[in-house]
Protein backbone atom coordinates (compact mmCIF):
# COMPACT_ATOMS: atom_id res chain seq x y z
CA MET A 1 0.00 0.00 0.00
CA GLN A 2 1.31 3.44 -0.94
CA ASN A 3 2.29 5.84 1.84
CA PHE A 4 1.80 9.10 -0.11
CA LEU A 5 4.68 10.67 1.79
CA LEU A 6 5.38 14.38 1.99
CA THR A 7 9.01 15.27 2.72
CA GLN A 8 11.18 18.29 3.44
CA HIS A 9 12.28 18.25 -0.22
CA MET A 10 8.75 19.31 -1.14
CA SER A 11 8.90 22.44 1.03
CA GLN A 12 9.31 24.77 -1.96
CA ASP A 13 6.38 23.11 -3.74
CA LEU A 14 4.24 23.65 -0.61
CA THR A 15 5.18 27.32 -0.59
CA ASP A 16 4.57 27.71 -4.34
CA SER A 17 1.13 26.05 -4.18
CA TYR A 18 -0.03 27.80 -1.00
CA ALA A 19 -2.00 30.63 -2.65
CA GLN A 20 -3.71 28.44 -5.25
CA PHE A 21 -4.54 25.64 -2.79
CA SER A 22 -6.04 28.21 -0.40
CA GLN A 23 -8.13 29.63 -3.24
CA TYR A 24 -9.52 26.43 -4.74
CA PHE A 25 -9.98 24.55 -1.47
CA SER A 26 -12.13 27.23 0.14
CA GLU A 27 -15.85 27.66 0.73
CA ASP A 28 -15.91 30.71 -1.56
CA VAL A 29 -16.17 28.40 -4.58
CA MET A 30 -18.57 25.91 -3.00
CA ASN A 31 -21.49 26.95 -5.20
CA ASN A 32 -19.70 25.66 -8.28
CA VAL A 33 -18.86 22.29 -6.80
CA LEU A 34 -21.80 20.24 -8.03
CA ILE A 35 -21.58 18.07 -11.12
CA ASP A 36 -23.92 18.34 -14.12
CA GLU A 37 -24.52 14.56 -14.24
CA SER A 38 -26.11 14.47 -10.76
CA ASP A 39 -29.54 12.79 -10.95
CA LYS A 40 -31.02 15.20 -8.40
CA ILE A 41 -29.86 18.22 -10.39
CA LYS A 42 -31.22 16.77 -13.64
CA ASP A 43 -34.57 16.09 -12.01
CA LEU A 44 -34.66 19.56 -10.41
CA THR A 45 -33.80 21.15 -13.76
CA ASP A 46 -36.59 19.25 -15.51
CA ARG A 47 -39.14 20.20 -12.84
CA LEU A 48 -38.20 23.88 -13.06
CA LYS A 49 -38.27 23.84 -16.86
CA ASP A 50 -41.68 22.17 -16.99
CA SER A 51 -43.16 24.77 -14.62
CA LEU A 52 -41.67 27.73 -16.48
CA LYS A 53 -42.59 26.46 -19.97
CA SER A 54 -46.14 25.53 -18.99
CA LYS A 55 -46.46 28.65 -16.81
CA THR A 56 -47.58 26.59 -13.81
CA ASN A 57 -46.68 27.07 -10.16
CA ASN A 58 -44.75 24.54 -8.10
CA THR A 59 -43.51 23.76 -4.59
CA ILE A 60 -40.25 21.92 -3.94
CA LEU A 61 -38.74 20.74 -0.64
CA LEU A 62 -35.03 19.93 -0.16
CA TYR A 63 -34.13 18.02 3.01
CA GLY A 64 -30.66 17.40 4.46
CA GLN A 65 -27.90 18.78 6.64
CA GLU A 66 -26.08 22.01 5.84
CA GLY A 67 -23.11 21.49 3.53
CA PHE A 68 -24.60 18.56 1.59
CA GLY A 69 -25.32 20.64 -1.52
CA ARG A 70 -29.00 21.59 -1.19
CA LYS A 71 -28.64 25.29 -2.08
CA SER A 72 -25.90 24.54 -4.60
CA ALA A 73 -28.21 22.01 -6.30
CA ILE A 74 -31.03 24.50 -6.81
CA ARG A 75 -28.57 27.17 -8.02
CA LYS A 76 -27.08 24.74 -10.54
CA ALA A 77 -30.53 23.59 -11.68
CA LEU A 78 -31.54 27.23 -12.25
CA ASP A 79 -28.38 27.87 -14.29
CA ASN A 80 -29.10 24.76 -16.38
CA CYS A 81 -32.69 25.87 -16.83
CA GLU A 82 -31.72 29.30 -18.12
CA GLN A 83 -29.26 27.76 -20.58
CA ASP A 84 -31.70 25.10 -21.83
CA LEU A 85 -34.56 27.57 -22.31
CA GLN A 86 -32.13 30.07 -23.89
CA MET A 87 -33.74 33.02 -22.17
CA LYS A 88 -32.68 36.29 -23.79
CA SER A 89 -35.47 38.82 -23.58
CA LYS A 90 -36.87 37.47 -20.30
CA LYS A 91 -35.10 36.15 -17.25
CA ILE A 92 -35.88 34.21 -14.10
CA ILE A 93 -36.03 36.21 -10.89
CA LYS A 94 -34.14 34.23 -8.23
CA ILE A 95 -34.76 35.17 -4.60
CA PHE A 96 -32.89 33.54 -1.70
CA VAL A 97 -34.07 34.24 1.85
CA ASN A 98 -32.91 32.71 5.14
CA ALA A 99 -35.88 32.54 7.54
CA TYR A 100 -33.60 32.07 10.54
CA LEU A 101 -31.53 35.17 9.83
CA HIS A 102 -34.50 37.42 9.07
CA LYS A 103 -36.61 36.08 11.98
CA SER A 104 -39.80 38.15 11.67
CA GLU A 105 -42.41 38.03 8.91
CA GLY A 106 -41.80 41.71 8.14
CA ASN A 107 -38.06 41.17 7.69
CA ILE A 108 -38.66 38.17 5.42
CA LEU A 109 -41.08 40.17 3.24
CA SER A 110 -38.66 43.08 3.20
CA ALA A 111 -35.82 40.77 2.04
CA ILE A 112 -38.06 39.37 -0.72
CA ASN A 113 -39.09 42.86 -1.80
CA ASN A 114 -35.52 44.22 -1.75
CA GLN A 115 -34.31 41.37 -3.97
CA LEU A 116 -37.22 41.97 -6.34
CA LEU A 117 -36.27 45.63 -6.57
CA GLN A 118 -32.62 44.79 -7.15
CA THR A 119 -32.90 41.73 -9.42
CA ALA A 120 -35.90 42.84 -11.43
CA GLN A 121 -34.76 46.49 -11.39
CA ILE A 122 -38.23 47.59 -10.30
CA LYS A 123 -38.18 51.24 -9.34
CA SER A 124 -41.48 51.67 -7.49
CA LYS A 125 -41.64 50.67 -3.80
CA ILE A 126 -44.29 49.33 -1.46
CA ASN A 127 -45.17 51.57 1.45
CA LYS A 128 -46.82 48.89 3.60
CA LEU A 129 -45.38 45.37 3.30
CA SER A 130 -47.71 42.38 3.29
CA VAL A 131 -48.06 39.26 1.15
CA ASP A 132 -51.18 40.73 -0.53
CA GLU A 133 -49.48 44.05 -1.29
CA LEU A 134 -46.39 42.30 -2.59
CA MET A 135 -48.56 40.20 -4.92
CA LYS A 136 -50.47 43.24 -6.23
CA HIS A 137 -47.23 45.19 -6.67
CA PHE A 138 -45.55 42.51 -8.72
CA LYS A 139 -48.59 41.82 -10.92
CA GLN A 140 -47.86 44.87 -13.07
CA TYR A 141 -44.43 43.44 -14.02
CA GLU A 142 -45.55 39.89 -14.85
CA ASN A 143 -45.01 40.11 -18.60
CA VAL A 144 -41.45 41.33 -18.22
CA PHE A 145 -40.03 38.19 -16.58
CA HIS A 146 -40.14 34.46 -17.21
CA GLY A 147 -40.95 33.54 -13.61
CA ILE A 148 -39.94 33.78 -9.97
CA VAL A 149 -38.10 31.13 -7.96
CA LEU A 150 -38.40 31.89 -4.25
CA VAL A 151 -35.93 29.88 -2.15
CA ILE A 152 -36.42 29.96 1.63
CA GLU A 153 -33.65 28.40 3.73
CA ARG A 154 -34.45 27.16 7.23
CA VAL A 155 -38.11 27.02 6.19
CA GLU A 156 -38.86 25.02 9.37
CA ILE A 157 -38.86 28.39 11.19
CA LEU A 158 -42.18 29.06 9.44
CA ALA A 159 -43.67 25.81 10.81
CA THR A 160 -44.31 27.34 14.24
CA VAL A 161 -47.95 27.96 15.16
CA LYS A 162 -47.57 31.76 14.94
CA LYS A 163 -45.85 31.74 11.53
CA GLN A 164 -47.90 29.06 9.72
CA PHE A 165 -50.50 31.58 8.57
CA PHE A 166 -47.68 33.64 7.03
CA LEU A 167 -46.35 30.54 5.21
CA TYR A 168 -49.88 29.70 4.09
CA SER A 169 -50.33 33.24 2.70
CA ILE A 170 -47.17 32.89 0.59
CA LEU A 171 -48.22 29.47 -0.70
CA GLU A 172 -51.72 30.78 -1.50
CA TRP A 173 -50.19 33.70 -3.42
CA ILE A 174 -48.17 31.16 -5.42
CA ARG A 175 -51.16 28.85 -5.99
CA GLU A 176 -53.46 31.62 -7.21
CA SER A 177 -50.90 33.41 -9.37
CA LYS A 178 -51.39 33.05 -13.13
CA TYR A 179 -47.72 33.80 -13.45
CA PRO A 180 -45.17 30.97 -12.75
CA ILE A 181 -43.85 31.20 -9.19
CA ILE A 182 -41.84 28.29 -7.78
CA PHE A 183 -41.42 27.92 -4.02
CA VAL A 184 -38.33 26.02 -2.81
CA GLY A 185 -38.06 25.23 0.90
CA ILE A 186 -34.72 24.08 2.34
CA THR A 187 -34.64 22.40 5.76
CA SER A 188 -32.78 19.87 7.92
CA ASP A 189 -35.94 19.05 9.87
CA LEU A 190 -37.36 15.77 8.52
CA LEU A 191 -40.55 16.37 10.51
CA PHE A 192 -41.18 19.77 8.88
CA GLN A 193 -44.30 18.71 6.96
CA GLU A 194 -45.66 16.79 9.94
CA LYS A 195 -45.67 20.01 11.98
CA LEU A 196 -47.87 21.82 9.47
CA GLU A 197 -51.63 22.29 9.68
CA LYS A 198 -53.62 20.25 7.19
CA ARG A 199 -54.35 23.19 4.89
CA VAL A 200 -50.67 24.26 4.80
CA LYS A 201 -49.42 20.70 4.32
CA SER A 202 -51.79 20.24 1.36
CA ARG A 203 -49.86 22.92 -0.56
CA PHE A 204 -46.75 20.65 -0.66
CA GLN A 205 -47.81 17.92 -3.07
CA ASN A 206 -44.54 16.90 -4.74
CA ILE A 207 -42.06 14.25 -3.64
CA PRO A 208 -39.19 15.96 -1.72
CA TYR A 209 -35.47 15.62 -2.40
CA PHE A 210 -33.09 14.26 0.25
CA PHE A 211 -29.43 15.31 0.50
CA MET A 212 -28.29 12.88 3.20
CA GLU A 213 -25.07 11.21 2.08
CA LEU A 214 -22.17 11.86 -0.26
CA ASP A 215 -21.35 9.45 -3.08
CA PHE A 216 -17.62 8.57 -3.22
CA GLN A 217 -17.32 9.04 -7.01
CA PHE A 218 -18.98 12.44 -6.64
CA VAL A 219 -16.52 13.45 -3.89
CA GLN A 220 -13.57 12.18 -5.91
CA LYS A 221 -14.58 14.24 -8.94
CA VAL A 222 -15.15 17.36 -6.83
CA LEU A 223 -11.66 17.14 -5.28
CA LEU A 224 -9.89 16.31 -8.55
CA THR A 225 -11.64 19.20 -10.32
CA ARG A 226 -10.19 21.57 -7.71
CA LEU A 227 -6.70 20.12 -8.04
CA GLU A 228 -6.82 20.58 -11.83
CA GLN A 229 -6.88 24.36 -11.26
CA ILE A 230 -3.52 24.27 -9.43
CA ASP A 231 -0.10 24.26 -11.14
CA ARG A 232 1.41 20.78 -11.09
CA ASN A 233 4.29 19.82 -8.79
CA GLN A 234 5.23 16.91 -6.51
CA VAL A 235 2.85 17.94 -3.72
CA ILE A 236 -0.17 18.30 -6.01
CA ASN A 237 0.66 14.97 -7.68
CA THR A 238 0.78 13.32 -4.24
CA TYR A 239 -2.65 14.72 -3.37
CA GLU A 240 -4.05 13.53 -6.71
CA ASN A 241 -2.66 10.00 -6.27
CA TYR A 242 -4.07 9.86 -2.74
CA ILE A 243 -7.58 10.92 -3.87
CA LEU A 244 -7.50 8.20 -6.55
CA SER A 245 -6.27 5.53 -4.13
CA LYS A 246 -8.01 2.74 -2.25
CA SER A 247 -6.64 4.27 0.97
CA PHE A 248 -8.73 7.40 0.55
CA GLU A 249 -11.82 5.38 -0.39
CA GLU A 250 -11.48 3.36 2.84
CA TYR A 251 -10.88 6.52 4.88
CA PHE A 252 -13.92 8.17 3.31
CA ALA A 253 -16.04 5.15 4.30
CA LYS A 254 -15.02 5.74 7.93
CA LEU A 255 -15.82 9.43 7.64
CA GLN A 256 -19.38 8.60 6.60
CA SER A 257 -20.26 7.89 10.25
CA LEU A 258 -19.38 11.53 11.04
CA GLN A 259 -21.83 12.89 8.45
CA VAL A 260 -18.99 14.84 6.85
CA SER A 261 -20.41 17.40 4.42
CA ILE A 262 -18.68 18.44 1.21
CA SER A 263 -17.69 21.77 2.78
CA LYS A 264 -16.17 19.96 5.79
CA LEU A 265 -14.28 17.62 3.46
CA ILE A 266 -12.87 20.56 1.49
CA TYR A 267 -11.80 22.11 4.81
CA LEU A 268 -10.20 18.81 5.83
CA PHE A 269 -7.96 18.81 2.75
CA ARG A 270 -7.09 22.49 3.17
CA SER A 271 -6.12 21.89 6.80
CA SER A 272 -3.88 18.95 5.86
CA PHE A 273 -2.06 21.21 3.37
CA PHE A 274 -1.55 23.92 6.01
CA LEU A 275 -0.24 21.34 8.48
CA ALA A 276 2.25 20.08 5.90
CA GLY A 277 3.36 23.63 5.15
CA SER A 278 4.00 24.44 8.83
CA ARG A 279 5.86 21.14 9.27
CA PHE A 280 8.38 21.54 6.44
CA ASN A 281 8.70 25.32 6.35
CA ARG A 282 9.46 27.85 9.05
CA PRO A 283 9.63 31.65 8.89
CA ASP A 284 13.00 33.03 7.87
CA LYS A 285 13.97 35.23 10.82
CA LYS A 286 16.45 37.14 8.69
CA GLN A 287 13.62 38.58 6.66
CA VAL A 288 12.02 41.61 8.34
CA ASP A 289 9.97 43.39 5.69
CA SER A 290 8.81 40.37 3.66
CA PHE A 291 7.02 37.12 4.45
CA LYS A 292 9.37 34.28 3.45
CA PHE A 293 10.10 30.73 4.61
CA GLU A 294 13.10 28.49 4.83
CA ARG A 295 13.13 24.70 4.73
CA ASN A 296 12.91 22.92 8.06
CA VAL A 297 15.69 20.38 7.46
CA THR A 298 14.99 18.53 10.72
CA ALA A 299 11.38 17.66 9.83
CA GLU A 300 10.67 13.97 9.32
CA PRO A 301 8.57 12.77 6.35
CA ILE A 302 4.87 12.29 7.04
CA SER A 303 2.15 10.47 5.13
CA LEU A 304 -0.77 12.40 3.72
CA GLN A 305 -3.08 9.97 5.52
CA GLU A 306 -1.58 10.97 8.89
CA LEU A 307 -2.02 14.65 8.03
CA MET A 308 -5.68 13.96 7.25
CA GLU A 309 -6.10 12.27 10.64
CA GLN A 310 -4.55 15.28 12.40
CA SER A 311 -6.80 17.66 10.45
CA LEU A 312 -9.85 15.65 11.45
CA LYS A 313 -9.16 16.49 15.11
CA TRP A 314 -9.48 20.20 14.27
CA ILE A 315 -12.99 19.66 12.93
CA TYR A 316 -14.15 16.98 15.40
CA PRO A 317 -12.02 17.40 18.56
CA ASN A 318 -13.61 14.51 20.41
CA VAL A 319 -13.63 11.86 17.68
CA LYS A 320 -12.23 8.54 18.92
CA LEU A 321 -11.44 5.32 17.15
CA GLU A 322 -13.12 2.62 19.26
CA ASN A 323 -12.30 -0.93 18.12
CA GLY A 324 -11.50 0.40 14.67
CA LYS A 325 -14.78 2.32 14.47
CA LEU A 326 -15.17 6.08 14.31
CA LEU A 327 -17.62 7.59 16.77
CA SER A 328 -19.00 11.07 16.22
CA GLN A 329 -20.41 13.60 18.67
CA PRO A 330 -24.07 12.80 17.79
CA GLU A 331 -23.36 9.11 18.41
CA TYR A 332 -21.95 9.91 21.86
CA VAL A 333 -25.05 12.05 22.55
CA ILE A 334 -27.21 8.97 21.96
CA LEU A 335 -24.98 6.70 24.05
CA PHE A 336 -24.77 9.24 26.92
CA SER A 337 -28.55 9.65 26.99
CA PHE A 338 -29.13 5.91 26.65
CA TYR A 339 -26.83 5.16 29.59
CA ASN A 340 -28.54 7.78 31.75
CA LEU A 341 -31.98 6.31 31.03
CA ILE A 342 -30.71 2.80 31.83
CA MET A 343 -29.31 4.02 35.15
CA HIS A 344 -32.71 5.49 35.99
CA GLN A 345 -34.09 1.97 35.49
CA LYS A 346 -36.47 2.85 32.70
CA PRO A 347 -37.87 -0.56 31.62
CA GLN A 348 -38.19 0.13 27.89
CA ILE A 349 -36.20 2.86 26.19
CA MET A 350 -37.61 4.16 22.93
CA PHE A 351 -35.65 6.30 20.51
CA ASP A 352 -38.05 9.15 21.27
CA ASP A 353 -36.96 8.94 24.94
CA ILE A 354 -33.39 9.60 23.81
CA ILE A 355 -34.44 12.51 21.57
CA GLN A 356 -36.44 14.11 24.39
CA HIS A 357 -33.65 13.57 26.94
CA SER A 358 -31.08 15.17 24.62
CA LYS A 359 -33.47 18.03 23.83
CA LYS A 360 -33.99 18.74 27.53
CA ALA A 361 -30.21 18.76 28.11
CA MET A 362 -29.73 21.18 25.18
CA GLN A 363 -32.41 23.53 26.52
CA THR A 364 -30.85 23.53 30.00
CA TYR A 365 -27.40 24.10 28.48
CA LYS A 366 -28.72 27.07 26.50
CA LEU A 367 -30.27 28.64 29.60
CA GLN A 368 -27.16 28.20 31.74
CA HIS A 369 -24.45 29.01 29.20
CA HIS A 370 -26.28 31.22 26.66
CA LYS A 371 -25.02 28.95 23.87
CA THR A 372 -26.79 26.55 21.55
CA ALA A 373 -26.12 22.96 20.53
CA SER A 374 -28.37 23.08 17.48
CA GLU A 375 -26.33 20.58 15.48
CA PHE A 376 -27.91 17.73 17.46
CA THR A 377 -31.26 17.90 15.66
CA PRO A 378 -33.57 14.85 15.30
CA LEU A 379 -32.25 14.45 11.74
CA VAL A 380 -28.66 14.27 12.98
CA LEU A 381 -29.58 11.86 15.78
CA ASN A 382 -31.52 9.65 13.34
CA LYS A 383 -28.42 9.31 11.19
CA ALA A 384 -26.23 8.72 14.25
CA LEU A 385 -28.59 5.98 15.46
CA ASP A 386 -28.33 4.26 12.09
CA ASN A 387 -24.51 4.34 12.32
CA LEU A 388 -24.52 2.92 15.86
CA ILE A 389 -26.73 0.06 14.69
CA LYS A 390 -24.41 -0.65 11.73
CA GLN A 391 -21.40 -0.64 14.08
CA LYS A 392 -23.24 -3.01 16.48
CA PHE A 393 -23.18 -0.74 19.53
CA ILE A 394 -26.96 -0.93 19.77
CA SER A 395 -29.86 -2.63 17.99
CA LEU A 396 -33.43 -1.68 17.22
CA GLN A 397 -36.45 -3.76 18.14
CA GLN A 398 -38.90 -2.97 15.36
CA GLN A 399 -42.32 -2.24 16.83
CA SER A 400 -43.50 0.66 14.68
CA LYS A 401 -42.98 2.25 11.27
CA ASN A 402 -42.08 5.45 13.11
CA LEU A 403 -38.44 5.28 14.18
CA GLU A 404 -39.12 7.25 17.37
CA ASN A 405 -41.49 4.56 18.68
CA ASN A 406 -39.02 1.67 18.47
CA GLN A 407 -37.18 0.20 21.44
CA ILE A 408 -33.40 0.57 21.68
CA ILE A 409 -31.33 -2.39 22.93
CA LEU A 410 -27.68 -2.21 24.06
CA CYS A 411 -25.35 -4.67 22.29
CA MET A 412 -22.54 -4.40 24.87
CA SER A 413 -22.28 -4.63 28.63
CA ILE A 414 -22.97 -1.61 30.83
CA ASP A 415 -19.39 -1.84 32.16
CA ASP A 416 -17.94 -1.72 28.63
CA LEU A 417 -20.10 1.29 27.84
CA LYS A 418 -18.98 3.06 31.01
CA ASN A 419 -15.31 2.29 30.24
CA LEU A 420 -15.78 3.80 26.79
CA PHE A 421 -17.00 7.02 28.41
CA GLU A 422 -14.11 7.07 30.91
CA ASN A 423 -11.63 7.07 28.02
CA ILE A 424 -13.02 10.29 26.55
CA ARG A 425 -14.37 12.26 29.52
CA TYR A 426 -11.39 14.65 29.65
CA ASP A 427 -11.41 15.32 25.91
CA LEU A 428 -14.93 16.65 25.36
CA PRO A 429 -15.70 20.14 23.97
CA ASP A 430 -18.45 22.53 25.15
CA PHE A 431 -21.90 20.94 25.07
CA MET A 432 -20.51 17.38 25.01
CA SER A 433 -18.67 18.00 28.29
CA TYR A 434 -21.84 19.51 29.74
CA LEU A 435 -23.92 16.55 28.57
CA TYR A 436 -21.47 14.10 30.15
CA ASN A 437 -21.77 15.82 33.52
CA TYR A 438 -25.54 16.22 33.01
CA ASN A 439 -25.84 12.45 32.68
CA PHE A 440 -23.30 11.36 35.26
């Protein structure tokens, strides 16, 4: 098996490639990362085209964790749509709004209106913002544009009791409009539709899209496309050979249990490059006015795989390799909560018990520390549960179609579970440390 070694003789190559590697392995170019052949993007493109050509309205829901390409997919589909329809005289108005950032209904409407004014170059303004006024205002410009695509990120914010009427008003505007308006909701909450009133839920008729996992061939192509932009040298060749190797494929399979997004993976590679640079180069103290490096001749060679492992600790400080298996923070959340419920002698422990226990701990943590632990959503915990089952830490006694109503069974002894916790208790960040003490 190849080692993919980086050595001190590559120090100049590391310095030469620094600027380009930083540029192409950054989140600034994430929107261009998706590949045209993706089935989801093709399907999204076709759905958008059909709506725009037939002048019919549509609602689309994209589920999945942040960083798995939901927003990038809809952007790419819109670009494809514009090219395929060869729009010259008319264009699509694309509006992107984050419901979490804008909070109130007024702010969301204001953001929609501002983007209409800017994108559509509409000069007249609305004095009093409301969904009805916005609809009336835009009606006079209908013939100028091919359609509107309204993308709302964190759409689950609008599923609260107070905001559902607002969401319903937007969907009614879209349904009644004779002009093509496409609503795209982006969320990580798999229970989003279940939280909606019947009349609101009825407005989402189409099958949703799920962005849950990354395909290895997709990841490989994304990384190689970035490397192609960088001038070739020994370091870049080593990275390319590693990405094409069986070693990286096996490592990526382990990373799957951590729900590593494409943006996190890009960051992982960038971090490994920076670690290599700091290992084989050191600042030249003789230089005062310029930023230069000299080779660190005492540095030992290191494999790219080892650099990746070190970089992983920057992203997931508490990740441990237990019996050759990677455990992520969400998986420890489940195991911590499970252990606590066992110790309280609860006869049957359902997955919903674990979700509620974790939720209570997160709420208490927020009150006491004025911080959030929002990454441990039901969607994240669902995925973590699936990984724990695959790795044979726990099993599921199927009693219901709803995952939350199924009993969880421990596949190891209580003592072994407690020993596992003892090994990591002094290496837990923020909420994880709090949760450990909350349970023990």
